[in-house]
Amino acid sequence: MNLKFQSMKIIYYVIFIFSVIQITSCKKETAQVSTTTPTPPQANRPPVANAGPDQTIPISTNTINLNGSGSTDPDNNITTYAWRGILFSSSLNIANANHGKKDKV
């Protein structure tokens, strides 16, 4: 007997046990039990943020350019970016803070 099982996306790590009973024309039963243990999905790994080189910005400067496109994700699934100020954050206005490149801050 040749059974095929199509794999599915694993959301939870579980063990599947399949039981197949074959009944022939002479009413003879044979049973076959198969246990399949899927490989658990790999845990999400954190991205590596790269905001570009350090910048020295004169106080008189009103806008600066930020570029986070050098950031990487070992899972290859960067879905968004988030920019935030650390110093003087209350006086910063970051337009479109969820994009990889910022033309103005």
PDB file of N, CA and C in Angstrom:
ATOM      1  N   MET A   1       0.847  -1.150   0.000  1.00  0.00           N
ATOM      2  CA  MET A   1       0.000   0.000   0.000  1.00  0.00           C
ATOM      3  C   MET A   1       0.906   1.230   0.000  1.00  0.00           C
ATOM      4  N   ASN A   2       0.601   2.156  -0.884  1.00  0.00           N
ATOM      5  CA  ASN A   2       1.410   3.361  -1.004  1.00  0.00           C
ATOM      6  C   ASN A   2       0.522   4.565  -0.711  1.00  0.00           C
ATOM      7  N   LEU A   3       0.714   5.164   0.445  1.00  0.00           N
ATOM      8  CA  LEU A   3      -0.078   6.327   0.832  1.00  0.00           C
ATOM      9  C   LEU A   3       0.761   7.575   0.695  1.00  0.00           C
ATOM     10  N   LYS A   4       0.126   8.630   0.274  1.00  0.00           N
ATOM     11  CA  LYS A   4       0.816   9.907   0.155  1.00  0.00           C
ATOM     12  C   LYS A   4       0.138  10.905   1.073  1.00  0.00           C
ATOM     13  N   PHE A   5       0.946  11.690   1.743  1.00  0.00           N
ATOM     14  CA  PHE A   5       0.434  12.717   2.637  1.00  0.00           C
ATOM     15  C   PHE A   5       1.031  14.037   2.212  1.00  0.00           C
ATOM     16  N   GLN A   6       0.187  14.984   1.891  1.00  0.00           N
ATOM     17  CA  GLN A   6       0.665  16.299   1.482  1.00  0.00           C
ATOM     18  C   GLN A   6       0.926  17.128   2.727  1.00  0.00           C
ATOM     19  N   SER A   7       2.122  17.709   2.792  1.00  0.00           N
ATOM     20  CA  SER A   7       2.470  18.497   3.977  1.00  0.00           C
ATOM     21  C   SER A   7       1.670  19.786   4.007  1.00  0.00           C
ATOM     22  N   MET A   8       1.561  20.349   5.204  1.00  0.00           N
ATOM     23  CA  MET A   8       0.832  21.591   5.387  1.00  0.00           C
ATOM     24  C   MET A   8       1.690  22.549   6.199  1.00  0.00           C
ATOM     25  N   LYS A   9       1.319  23.803   6.184  1.00  0.00           N
ATOM     26  CA  LYS A   9       2.042  24.787   6.982  1.00  0.00           C
ATOM     27  C   LYS A   9       1.830  24.466   8.457  1.00  0.00           C
ATOM     28  N   ILE A  10       2.931  24.386   9.193  1.00  0.00           N
ATOM     29  CA  ILE A  10       2.845  24.033  10.605  1.00  0.00           C
ATOM     30  C   ILE A  10       2.697  25.313  11.423  1.00  0.00           C
ATOM     31  N   ILE A  11       1.610  25.421  12.126  1.00  0.00           N
ATOM     32  CA  ILE A  11       1.390  26.563  12.998  1.00  0.00           C
ATOM     33  C   ILE A  11       1.736  26.177  14.437  1.00  0.00           C
ATOM     34  N   TYR A  12       1.377  24.982  14.827  1.00  0.00           N
ATOM     35  CA  TYR A  12       1.693  24.473  16.150  1.00  0.00           C
ATOM     36  C   TYR A  12       2.509  23.201  15.984  1.00  0.00           C
ATOM     37  N   TYR A  13       3.405  22.954  16.920  1.00  0.00           N
ATOM     38  CA  TYR A  13       4.220  21.751  16.866  1.00  0.00           C
ATOM     39  C   TYR A  13       3.427  20.612  17.489  1.00  0.00           C
ATOM     40  N   VAL A  14       3.032  19.658  16.672  1.00  0.00           N
ATOM     41  CA  VAL A  14       2.259  18.512  17.145  1.00  0.00           C
ATOM     42  C   VAL A  14       2.788  17.249  16.488  1.00  0.00           C
ATOM     43  N   ILE A  15       2.401  16.120  17.044  1.00  0.00           N
ATOM     44  CA  ILE A  15       2.743  14.826  16.454  1.00  0.00           C
ATOM     45  C   ILE A  15       1.468  14.267  15.840  1.00  0.00           C
ATOM     46  N   PHE A  16       1.553  13.862  14.585  1.00  0.00           N
ATOM     47  CA  PHE A  16       0.417  13.284  13.892  1.00  0.00           C
ATOM     48  C   PHE A  16       0.557  11.762  13.901  1.00  0.00           C
ATOM     49  N   ILE A  17      -0.509  11.063  14.219  1.00  0.00           N
ATOM     50  CA  ILE A  17      -0.513   9.601  14.150  1.00  0.00           C
ATOM     51  C   ILE A  17      -1.637   9.215  13.204  1.00  0.00           C
ATOM     52  N   PHE A  18      -1.276   8.442  12.185  1.00  0.00           N
ATOM     53  CA  PHE A  18      -2.248   8.006  11.196  1.00  0.00           C
ATOM     54  C   PHE A  18      -2.434   6.501  11.330  1.00  0.00           C
ATOM     55  N   SER A  19      -3.646   6.055  11.235  1.00  0.00           N
ATOM     56  CA  SER A  19      -3.937   4.631  11.266  1.00  0.00           C
ATOM     57  C   SER A  19      -4.732   4.303  10.008  1.00  0.00           C
ATOM     58  N   VAL A  20      -4.231   3.341   9.255  1.00  0.00           N
ATOM     59  CA  VAL A  20      -4.895   2.937   8.020  1.00  0.00           C
ATOM     60  C   VAL A  20      -5.266   1.468   8.145  1.00  0.00           C
ATOM     61  N   ILE A  21      -6.517   1.167   7.914  1.00  0.00           N
ATOM     62  CA  ILE A  21      -6.964  -0.227   7.945  1.00  0.00           C
ATOM     63  C   ILE A  21      -7.370  -0.605   6.535  1.00  0.00           C
ATOM     64  N   GLN A  22      -6.826  -1.713   6.090  1.00  0.00           N
ATOM     65  CA  GLN A  22      -7.134  -2.197   4.746  1.00  0.00           C
ATOM     66  C   GLN A  22      -7.965  -3.470   4.887  1.00  0.00           C
ATOM     67  N   ILE A  23      -9.112  -3.483   4.239  1.00  0.00           N
ATOM     68  CA  ILE A  23      -9.960  -4.673   4.253  1.00  0.00           C
ATOM     69  C   ILE A  23      -9.975  -5.231   2.839  1.00  0.00           C
ATOM     70  N   THR A  24      -9.542  -6.460   2.707  1.00  0.00           N
ATOM     71  CA  THR A  24      -9.480  -7.086   1.384  1.00  0.00           C
ATOM     72  C   THR A  24     -10.800  -7.783   1.078  1.00  0.00           C
ATOM     73  N   SER A  25     -10.917  -8.302  -0.121  1.00  0.00           N
ATOM     74  CA  SER A  25     -12.161  -8.945  -0.548  1.00  0.00           C
ATOM     75  C   SER A  25     -12.446 -10.218   0.244  1.00  0.00           C
ATOM     76  N   CYS A  26     -11.420 -10.835   0.849  1.00  0.00           N
ATOM     77  CA  CYS A  26     -11.687 -12.030   1.660  1.00  0.00           C
ATOM     78  C   CYS A  26     -11.869 -11.672   3.137  1.00  0.00           C
ATOM     79  N   LYS A  27     -12.223 -10.423   3.394  1.00  0.00           N
ATOM     80  CA  LYS A  27     -12.548  -9.941   4.733  1.00  0.00           C
ATOM     81  C   LYS A  27     -11.387 -10.094   5.713  1.00  0.00           C
ATOM     82  N   LYS A  28     -10.197 -10.009   5.189  1.00  0.00           N
ATOM     83  CA  LYS A  28      -9.011 -10.077   6.029  1.00  0.00           C
ATOM     84  C   LYS A  28      -8.553  -8.642   6.285  1.00  0.00           C
ATOM     85  N   GLU A  29      -8.365  -8.304   7.548  1.00  0.00           N
ATOM     86  CA  GLU A  29      -7.962  -6.947   7.897  1.00  0.00           C
ATOM     87  C   GLU A  29      -6.461  -6.886   8.163  1.00  0.00           C
ATOM     88  N   THR A  30      -5.863  -5.851   7.658  1.00  0.00           N
ATOM     89  CA  THR A  30      -4.475  -5.549   8.009  1.00  0.00           C
ATOM     90  C   THR A  30      -4.435  -4.082   8.398  1.00  0.00           C
ATOM     91  N   ALA A  31      -3.652  -3.781   9.385  1.00  0.00           N
ATOM     92  CA  ALA A  31      -3.564  -2.399   9.859  1.00  0.00           C
ATOM     93  C   ALA A  31      -2.132  -1.913   9.747  1.00  0.00           C
ATOM     94  N   GLN A  32      -2.016  -0.663   9.446  1.00  0.00           N
ATOM     95  CA  GLN A  32      -0.696  -0.040   9.360  1.00  0.00           C
ATOM     96  C   GLN A  32      -0.785   1.293  10.093  1.00  0.00           C
ATOM     97  N   VAL A  33       0.125   1.507  11.030  1.00  0.00           N
ATOM     98  CA  VAL A  33       0.150   2.754  11.793  1.00  0.00           C
ATOM     99  C   VAL A  33       1.420   3.499  11.444  1.00  0.00           C
ATOM    100  N   SER A  34       1.266   4.760  11.177  1.00  0.00           N
ATOM    101  CA  SER A  34       2.411   5.593  10.814  1.00  0.00           C
ATOM    102  C   SER A  34       2.411   6.823  11.711  1.00  0.00           C
ATOM    103  N   THR A  35       3.566   7.150  12.252  1.00  0.00           N
ATOM    104  CA  THR A  35       3.714   8.345  13.083  1.00  0.00           C
ATOM    105  C   THR A  35       4.613   9.325  12.360  1.00  0.00           C
ATOM    106  N   THR A  36       4.153  10.551  12.243  1.00  0.00           N
ATOM    107  CA  THR A  36       4.935  11.588  11.583  1.00  0.00           C
ATOM    108  C   THR A  36       5.182  12.711  12.579  1.00  0.00           C
ATOM    109  N   THR A  37       6.435  13.043  12.775  1.00  0.00           N
ATOM    110  CA  THR A  37       6.801  14.148  13.656  1.00  0.00           C
ATOM    111  C   THR A  37       7.392  15.254  12.802  1.00  0.00           C
ATOM    112  N   PRO A  38       6.670  16.342  12.603  1.00  0.00           N
ATOM    113  CA  PRO A  38       7.189  17.417  11.756  1.00  0.00           C
ATOM    114  C   PRO A  38       8.303  18.186  12.459  1.00  0.00           C
ATOM    115  N   THR A  39       9.135  18.802  11.666  1.00  0.00           N
ATOM    116  CA  THR A  39      10.175  19.671  12.200  1.00  0.00           C
ATOM    117  C   THR A  39       9.519  20.971  12.640  1.00  0.00           C
ATOM    118  N   PRO A  40       9.760  21.387  13.875  1.00  0.00           N
ATOM    119  CA  PRO A  40       9.119  22.629  14.318  1.00  0.00           C
ATOM    120  C   PRO A  40       9.634  23.816  13.522  1.00  0.00           C
ATOM    121  N   PRO A  41       8.784  24.818  13.301  1.00  0.00           N
ATOM    122  CA  PRO A  41       9.237  25.991  12.555  1.00  0.00           C
ATOM    123  C   PRO A  41      10.323  26.726  13.335  1.00  0.00           C
ATOM    124  N   GLN A  42      11.235  27.315  12.591  1.00  0.00           N
ATOM    125  CA  GLN A  42      12.326  28.053  13.213  1.00  0.00           C
ATOM    126  C   GLN A  42      11.782  29.334  13.836  1.00  0.00           C
ATOM    127  N   ALA A  43      12.278  29.652  15.008  1.00  0.00           N
ATOM    128  CA  ALA A  43      11.823  30.859  15.704  1.00  0.00           C
ATOM    129  C   ALA A  43      12.214  32.099  14.909  1.00  0.00           C
ATOM    130  N   ASN A  44      11.395  33.116  15.021  1.00  0.00           N
ATOM    131  CA  ASN A  44      11.685  34.377  14.350  1.00  0.00           C
ATOM    132  C   ASN A  44      12.964  34.968  14.930  1.00  0.00           C
ATOM    133  N   ARG A  45      13.894  35.310  14.060  1.00  0.00           N
ATOM    134  CA  ARG A  45      15.160  35.903  14.496  1.00  0.00           C
ATOM    135  C   ARG A  45      15.079  37.414  14.345  1.00  0.00           C
ATOM    136  N   PRO A  46      15.683  38.160  15.268  1.00  0.00           N
ATOM    137  CA  PRO A  46      15.561  39.621  15.226  1.00  0.00           C
ATOM    138  C   PRO A  46      16.320  40.225  14.052  1.00  0.00           C
ATOM    139  N   PRO A  47      15.819  41.334  13.527  1.00  0.00           N
ATOM    140  CA  PRO A  47      16.517  42.021  12.436  1.00  0.00           C
ATOM    141  C   PRO A  47      17.742  42.762  12.963  1.00  0.00           C
ATOM    142  N   VAL A  48      18.600  43.163  12.037  1.00  0.00           N
ATOM    143  CA  VAL A  48      19.779  43.962  12.368  1.00  0.00           C
ATOM    144  C   VAL A  48      19.545  45.351  11.794  1.00  0.00           C
ATOM    145  N   ALA A  49      19.384  46.329  12.674  1.00  0.00           N
ATOM    146  CA  ALA A  49      19.115  47.704  12.243  1.00  0.00           C
ATOM    147  C   ALA A  49      20.409  48.388  11.831  1.00  0.00           C
ATOM    148  N   ASN A  50      20.362  49.095  10.711  1.00  0.00           N
ATOM    149  CA  ASN A  50      21.499  49.876  10.230  1.00  0.00           C
ATOM    150  C   ASN A  50      20.941  51.207   9.743  1.00  0.00           C
ATOM    151  N   ALA A  51      21.141  52.235  10.524  1.00  0.00           N
ATOM    152  CA  ALA A  51      20.612  53.561  10.187  1.00  0.00           C
ATOM    153  C   ALA A  51      21.623  54.404   9.425  1.00  0.00           C
ATOM    154  N   GLY A  52      22.662  53.778   8.887  1.00  0.00           N
ATOM    155  CA  GLY A  52      23.661  54.520   8.130  1.00  0.00           C
ATOM    156  C   GLY A  52      24.748  55.071   9.038  1.00  0.00           C
ATOM    157  N   PRO A  53      25.661  55.842   8.454  1.00  0.00           N
ATOM    158  CA  PRO A  53      26.778  56.371   9.245  1.00  0.00           C
ATOM    159  C   PRO A  53      26.306  57.436  10.242  1.00  0.00           C
ATOM    160  N   ASP A  54      27.090  57.599  11.300  1.00  0.00           N
ATOM    161  CA  ASP A  54      26.804  58.667  12.265  1.00  0.00           C
ATOM    162  C   ASP A  54      26.880  60.016  11.561  1.00  0.00           C
ATOM    163  N   GLN A  55      26.044  60.944  11.986  1.00  0.00           N
ATOM    164  CA  GLN A  55      26.018  62.272  11.390  1.00  0.00           C
ATOM    165  C   GLN A  55      26.187  63.331  12.479  1.00  0.00           C
ATOM    166  N   THR A  56      26.962  64.353  12.166  1.00  0.00           N
ATOM    167  CA  THR A  56      27.059  65.525  13.027  1.00  0.00           C
ATOM    168  C   THR A  56      26.199  66.601  12.390  1.00  0.00           C
ATOM    169  N   ILE A  57      25.222  67.064  13.118  1.00  0.00           N
ATOM    170  CA  ILE A  57      24.235  67.980  12.554  1.00  0.00           C
ATOM    171  C   ILE A  57      24.315  69.311  13.291  1.00  0.00           C
ATOM    172  N   PRO A  58      24.589  70.388  12.563  1.00  0.00           N
ATOM    173  CA  PRO A  58      24.619  71.713  13.200  1.00  0.00           C
ATOM    174  C   PRO A  58      23.248  72.079  13.760  1.00  0.00           C
ATOM    175  N   ILE A  59      23.238  72.841  14.829  1.00  0.00           N
ATOM    176  CA  ILE A  59      21.984  73.242  15.470  1.00  0.00           C
ATOM    177  C   ILE A  59      21.083  74.001  14.501  1.00  0.00           C
ATOM    178  N   SER A  60      21.661  74.743  13.578  1.00  0.00           N
ATOM    179  CA  SER A  60      20.857  75.537  12.645  1.00  0.00           C
ATOM    180  C   SER A  60      20.170  74.690  11.574  1.00  0.00           C
ATOM    181  N   THR A  61      20.462  73.392  11.511  1.00  0.00           N
ATOM    182  CA  THR A  61      19.864  72.525  10.492  1.00  0.00           C
ATOM    183  C   THR A  61      18.423  72.193  10.858  1.00  0.00           C
ATOM    184  N   ASN A  62      17.533  72.369   9.889  1.00  0.00           N
ATOM    185  CA  ASN A  62      16.119  72.077  10.123  1.00  0.00           C
ATOM    186  C   ASN A  62      15.731  70.670   9.703  1.00  0.00           C
ATOM    187  N   THR A  63      16.431  70.120   8.717  1.00  0.00           N
ATOM    188  CA  THR A  63      16.092  68.780   8.239  1.00  0.00           C
ATOM    189  C   THR A  63      17.361  67.954   8.071  1.00  0.00           C
ATOM    190  N   ILE A  64      17.219  66.646   8.231  1.00  0.00           N
ATOM    191  CA  ILE A  64      18.325  65.709   7.985  1.00  0.00           C
ATOM    192  C   ILE A  64      17.782  64.516   7.212  1.00  0.00           C
ATOM    193  N   ASN A  65      18.674  63.797   6.554  1.00  0.00           N
ATOM    194  CA  ASN A  65      18.288  62.593   5.821  1.00  0.00           C
ATOM    195  C   ASN A  65      18.674  61.361   6.629  1.00  0.00           C
ATOM    196  N   LEU A  66      17.757  60.427   6.734  1.00  0.00           N
ATOM    197  CA  LEU A  66      18.006  59.152   7.400  1.00  0.00           C
ATOM    198  C   LEU A  66      17.827  58.037   6.385  1.00  0.00           C
ATOM    199  N   ASN A  67      18.625  56.983   6.510  1.00  0.00           N
ATOM    200  CA  ASN A  67      18.525  55.875   5.562  1.00  0.00           C
ATOM    201  C   ASN A  67      18.710  54.559   6.311  1.00  0.00           C
ATOM    202  N   GLY A  68      17.656  53.787   6.411  1.00  0.00           N
ATOM    203  CA  GLY A  68      17.708  52.487   7.078  1.00  0.00           C
ATOM    204  C   GLY A  68      17.669  51.331   6.106  1.00  0.00           C
ATOM    205  N   SER A  69      17.893  51.611   4.807  1.00  0.00           N
ATOM    206  CA  SER A  69      17.786  50.540   3.807  1.00  0.00           C
ATOM    207  C   SER A  69      18.912  49.515   3.923  1.00  0.00           C
ATOM    208  N   GLY A  70      19.949  49.802   4.715  1.00  0.00           N
ATOM    209  CA  GLY A  70      21.008  48.820   4.940  1.00  0.00           C
ATOM    210  C   GLY A  70      20.659  47.821   6.030  1.00  0.00           C
ATOM    211  N   SER A  71      19.485  47.958   6.626  1.00  0.00           N
ATOM    212  CA  SER A  71      19.042  47.018   7.655  1.00  0.00           C
ATOM    213  C   SER A  71      18.741  45.669   7.019  1.00  0.00           C
ATOM    214  N   THR A  72      18.954  44.607   7.776  1.00  0.00           N
ATOM    215  CA  THR A  72      18.717  43.258   7.254  1.00  0.00           C
ATOM    216  C   THR A  72      17.887  42.453   8.247  1.00  0.00           C
ATOM    217  N   ASP A  73      17.272  41.415   7.725  1.00  0.00           N
ATOM    218  CA  ASP A  73      16.504  40.492   8.550  1.00  0.00           C
ATOM    219  C   ASP A  73      16.878  39.083   8.123  1.00  0.00           C
ATOM    220  N   PRO A  74      17.421  38.247   9.020  1.00  0.00           N
ATOM    221  CA  PRO A  74      17.811  36.894   8.625  1.00  0.00           C
ATOM    222  C   PRO A  74      16.635  36.044   8.151  1.00  0.00           C
ATOM    223  N   ASP A  75      15.407  36.435   8.482  1.00  0.00           N
ATOM    224  CA  ASP A  75      14.225  35.718   8.002  1.00  0.00           C
ATOM    225  C   ASP A  75      13.697  36.302   6.696  1.00  0.00           C
ATOM    226  N   ASN A  76      14.348  37.363   6.202  1.00  0.00           N
ATOM    227  CA  ASN A  76      13.978  38.023   4.940  1.00  0.00           C
ATOM    228  C   ASN A  76      12.541  38.516   4.919  1.00  0.00           C
ATOM    229  N   ASN A  77      12.087  39.090   6.016  1.00  0.00           N
ATOM    230  CA  ASN A  77      10.707  39.576   6.002  1.00  0.00           C
ATOM    231  C   ASN A  77      10.544  40.901   6.747  1.00  0.00           C
ATOM    232  N   ILE A  78      11.355  41.897   6.395  1.00  0.00           N
ATOM    233  CA  ILE A  78      11.154  43.227   6.973  1.00  0.00           C
ATOM    234  C   ILE A  78       9.831  43.757   6.428  1.00  0.00           C
ATOM    235  N   THR A  79       8.913  44.045   7.317  1.00  0.00           N
ATOM    236  CA  THR A  79       7.601  44.518   6.875  1.00  0.00           C
ATOM    237  C   THR A  79       7.424  46.013   7.082  1.00  0.00           C
ATOM    238  N   THR A  80       8.160  46.587   8.005  1.00  0.00           N
ATOM    239  CA  THR A  80       8.044  48.017   8.249  1.00  0.00           C
ATOM    240  C   THR A  80       9.277  48.506   8.997  1.00  0.00           C
ATOM    241  N   TYR A  81       9.446  49.797   9.008  1.00  0.00           N
ATOM    242  CA  TYR A  81      10.527  50.439   9.749  1.00  0.00           C
ATOM    243  C   TYR A  81       9.895  51.350  10.785  1.00  0.00           C
ATOM    244  N   ALA A  82      10.621  51.648  11.842  1.00  0.00           N
ATOM    245  CA  ALA A  82      10.119  52.577  12.855  1.00  0.00           C
ATOM    246  C   ALA A  82      11.261  53.479  13.292  1.00  0.00           C
ATOM    247  N   TRP A  83      11.121  54.762  13.049  1.00  0.00           N
ATOM    248  CA  TRP A  83      12.109  55.754  13.458  1.00  0.00           C
ATOM    249  C   TRP A  83      11.595  56.456  14.696  1.00  0.00           C
ATOM    250  N   ARG A  84      12.501  56.706  15.637  1.00  0.00           N
ATOM    251  CA  ARG A  84      12.126  57.495  16.806  1.00  0.00           C
ATOM    252  C   ARG A  84      13.355  58.222  17.313  1.00  0.00           C
ATOM    253  N   GLY A  85      13.134  59.384  17.857  1.00  0.00           N
ATOM    254  CA  GLY A  85      14.227  60.165  18.422  1.00  0.00           C
ATOM    255  C   GLY A  85      14.537  59.704  19.833  1.00  0.00           C
ATOM    256  N   ILE A  86      15.799  59.773  20.204  1.00  0.00           N
ATOM    257  CA  ILE A  86      16.193  59.405  21.562  1.00  0.00           C
ATOM    258  C   ILE A  86      16.428  60.670  22.382  1.00  0.00           C
ATOM    259  N   LEU A  87      17.283  61.556  21.876  1.00  0.00           N
ATOM    260  CA  LEU A  87      17.514  62.842  22.539  1.00  0.00           C
ATOM    261  C   LEU A  87      16.572  63.882  21.945  1.00  0.00           C
ATOM    262  N   PHE A  88      16.066  64.733  22.738  1.00  0.00           N
ATOM    263  CA  PHE A  88      15.172  65.807  22.293  1.00  0.00           C
ATOM    264  C   PHE A  88      13.966  65.257  21.536  1.00  0.00           C
ATOM    265  N   SER A  89      13.517  64.083  21.904  1.00  0.00           N
ATOM    266  CA  SER A  89      12.440  63.436  21.151  1.00  0.00           C
ATOM    267  C   SER A  89      11.150  64.241  21.149  1.00  0.00           C
ATOM    268  N   SER A  90      10.923  65.061  22.162  1.00  0.00           N
ATOM    269  CA  SER A  90       9.681  65.837  22.182  1.00  0.00           C
ATOM    270  C   SER A  90       9.679  66.941  21.132  1.00  0.00           C
ATOM    271  N   SER A  91      10.865  67.354  20.664  1.00  0.00           N
ATOM    272  CA  SER A  91      10.917  68.423  19.663  1.00  0.00           C
ATOM    273  C   SER A  91      11.137  67.888  18.251  1.00  0.00           C
ATOM    274  N   LEU A  92      11.210  66.559  18.091  1.00  0.00           N
ATOM    275  CA  LEU A  92      11.401  65.981  16.756  1.00  0.00           C
ATOM    276  C   LEU A  92      10.063  65.719  16.094  1.00  0.00           C
ATOM    277  N   ASN A  93      10.018  65.960  14.806  1.00  0.00           N
ATOM    278  CA  ASN A  93       8.851  65.620  14.010  1.00  0.00           C
ATOM    279  C   ASN A  93       9.339  64.691  12.911  1.00  0.00           C
ATOM    280  N   ILE A  94       9.034  63.410  13.025  1.00  0.00           N
ATOM    281  CA  ILE A  94       9.485  62.425  12.035  1.00  0.00           C
ATOM    282  C   ILE A  94       8.313  62.119  11.117  1.00  0.00           C
ATOM    283  N   ALA A  95       8.440  62.553   9.870  1.00  0.00           N
ATOM    284  CA  ALA A  95       7.381  62.305   8.890  1.00  0.00           C
ATOM    285  C   ALA A  95       7.504  60.879   8.371  1.00  0.00           C
ATOM    286  N   ASN A  96       6.400  60.181   8.243  1.00  0.00           N
ATOM    287  CA  ASN A  96       6.376  58.808   7.723  1.00  0.00           C
ATOM    288  C   ASN A  96       7.421  57.938   8.415  1.00  0.00           C
ATOM    289  N   ALA A  97       7.300  57.783   9.703  1.00  0.00           N
ATOM    290  CA  ALA A  97       8.301  57.074  10.505  1.00  0.00           C
ATOM    291  C   ALA A  97       8.362  55.582  10.233  1.00  0.00           C
ATOM    292  N   ASN A  98       7.510  55.052   9.366  1.00  0.00           N
ATOM    293  CA  ASN A  98       7.537  53.616   9.096  1.00  0.00           C
ATOM    294  C   ASN A  98       8.111  53.279   7.723  1.00  0.00           C
ATOM    295  N   HIS A  99       8.881  54.169   7.134  1.00  0.00           N
ATOM    296  CA  HIS A  99       9.539  53.909   5.854  1.00  0.00           C
ATOM    297  C   HIS A  99      11.033  53.737   6.067  1.00  0.00           C
ATOM    298  N   GLY A 100      11.700  53.015   5.168  1.00  0.00           N
ATOM    299  CA  GLY A 100      13.124  52.735   5.302  1.00  0.00           C
ATOM    300  C   GLY A 100      14.012  53.936   5.103  1.00  0.00           C
ATOM    301  N   LYS A 101      13.653  54.830   4.180  1.00  0.00           N
ATOM    302  CA  LYS A 101      14.446  56.034   3.933  1.00  0.00           C
ATOM    303  C   LYS A 101      13.635  57.250   4.340  1.00  0.00           C
ATOM    304  N   LYS A 102      14.277  58.146   5.035  1.00  0.00           N
ATOM    305  CA  LYS A 102      13.622  59.378   5.448  1.00  0.00           C
ATOM    306  C   LYS A 102      14.342  60.531   4.780  1.00  0.00           C
ATOM    307  N   ASP A 103      13.621  61.337   4.045  1.00  0.00           N
ATOM    308  CA  ASP A 103      14.224  62.497   3.402  1.00  0.00           C
ATOM    309  C   ASP A 103      14.299  63.674   4.352  1.00  0.00           C
ATOM    310  N   LYS A 104      13.359  63.749   5.276  1.00  0.00           N
ATOM    311  CA  LYS A 104      13.331  64.888   6.195  1.00  0.00           C
ATOM    312  C   LYS A 104      12.925  64.418   7.580  1.00  0.00           C
ATOM    313  N   VAL A 105      13.567  65.003   8.563  1.00  0.00           N
ATOM    314  CA  VAL A 105      13.185  64.759   9.955  1.00  0.00           C
ATOM    315  C   VAL A 105      12.946  66.105  10.588  1.00  0.00           C
TER     316      VAL A 105
END
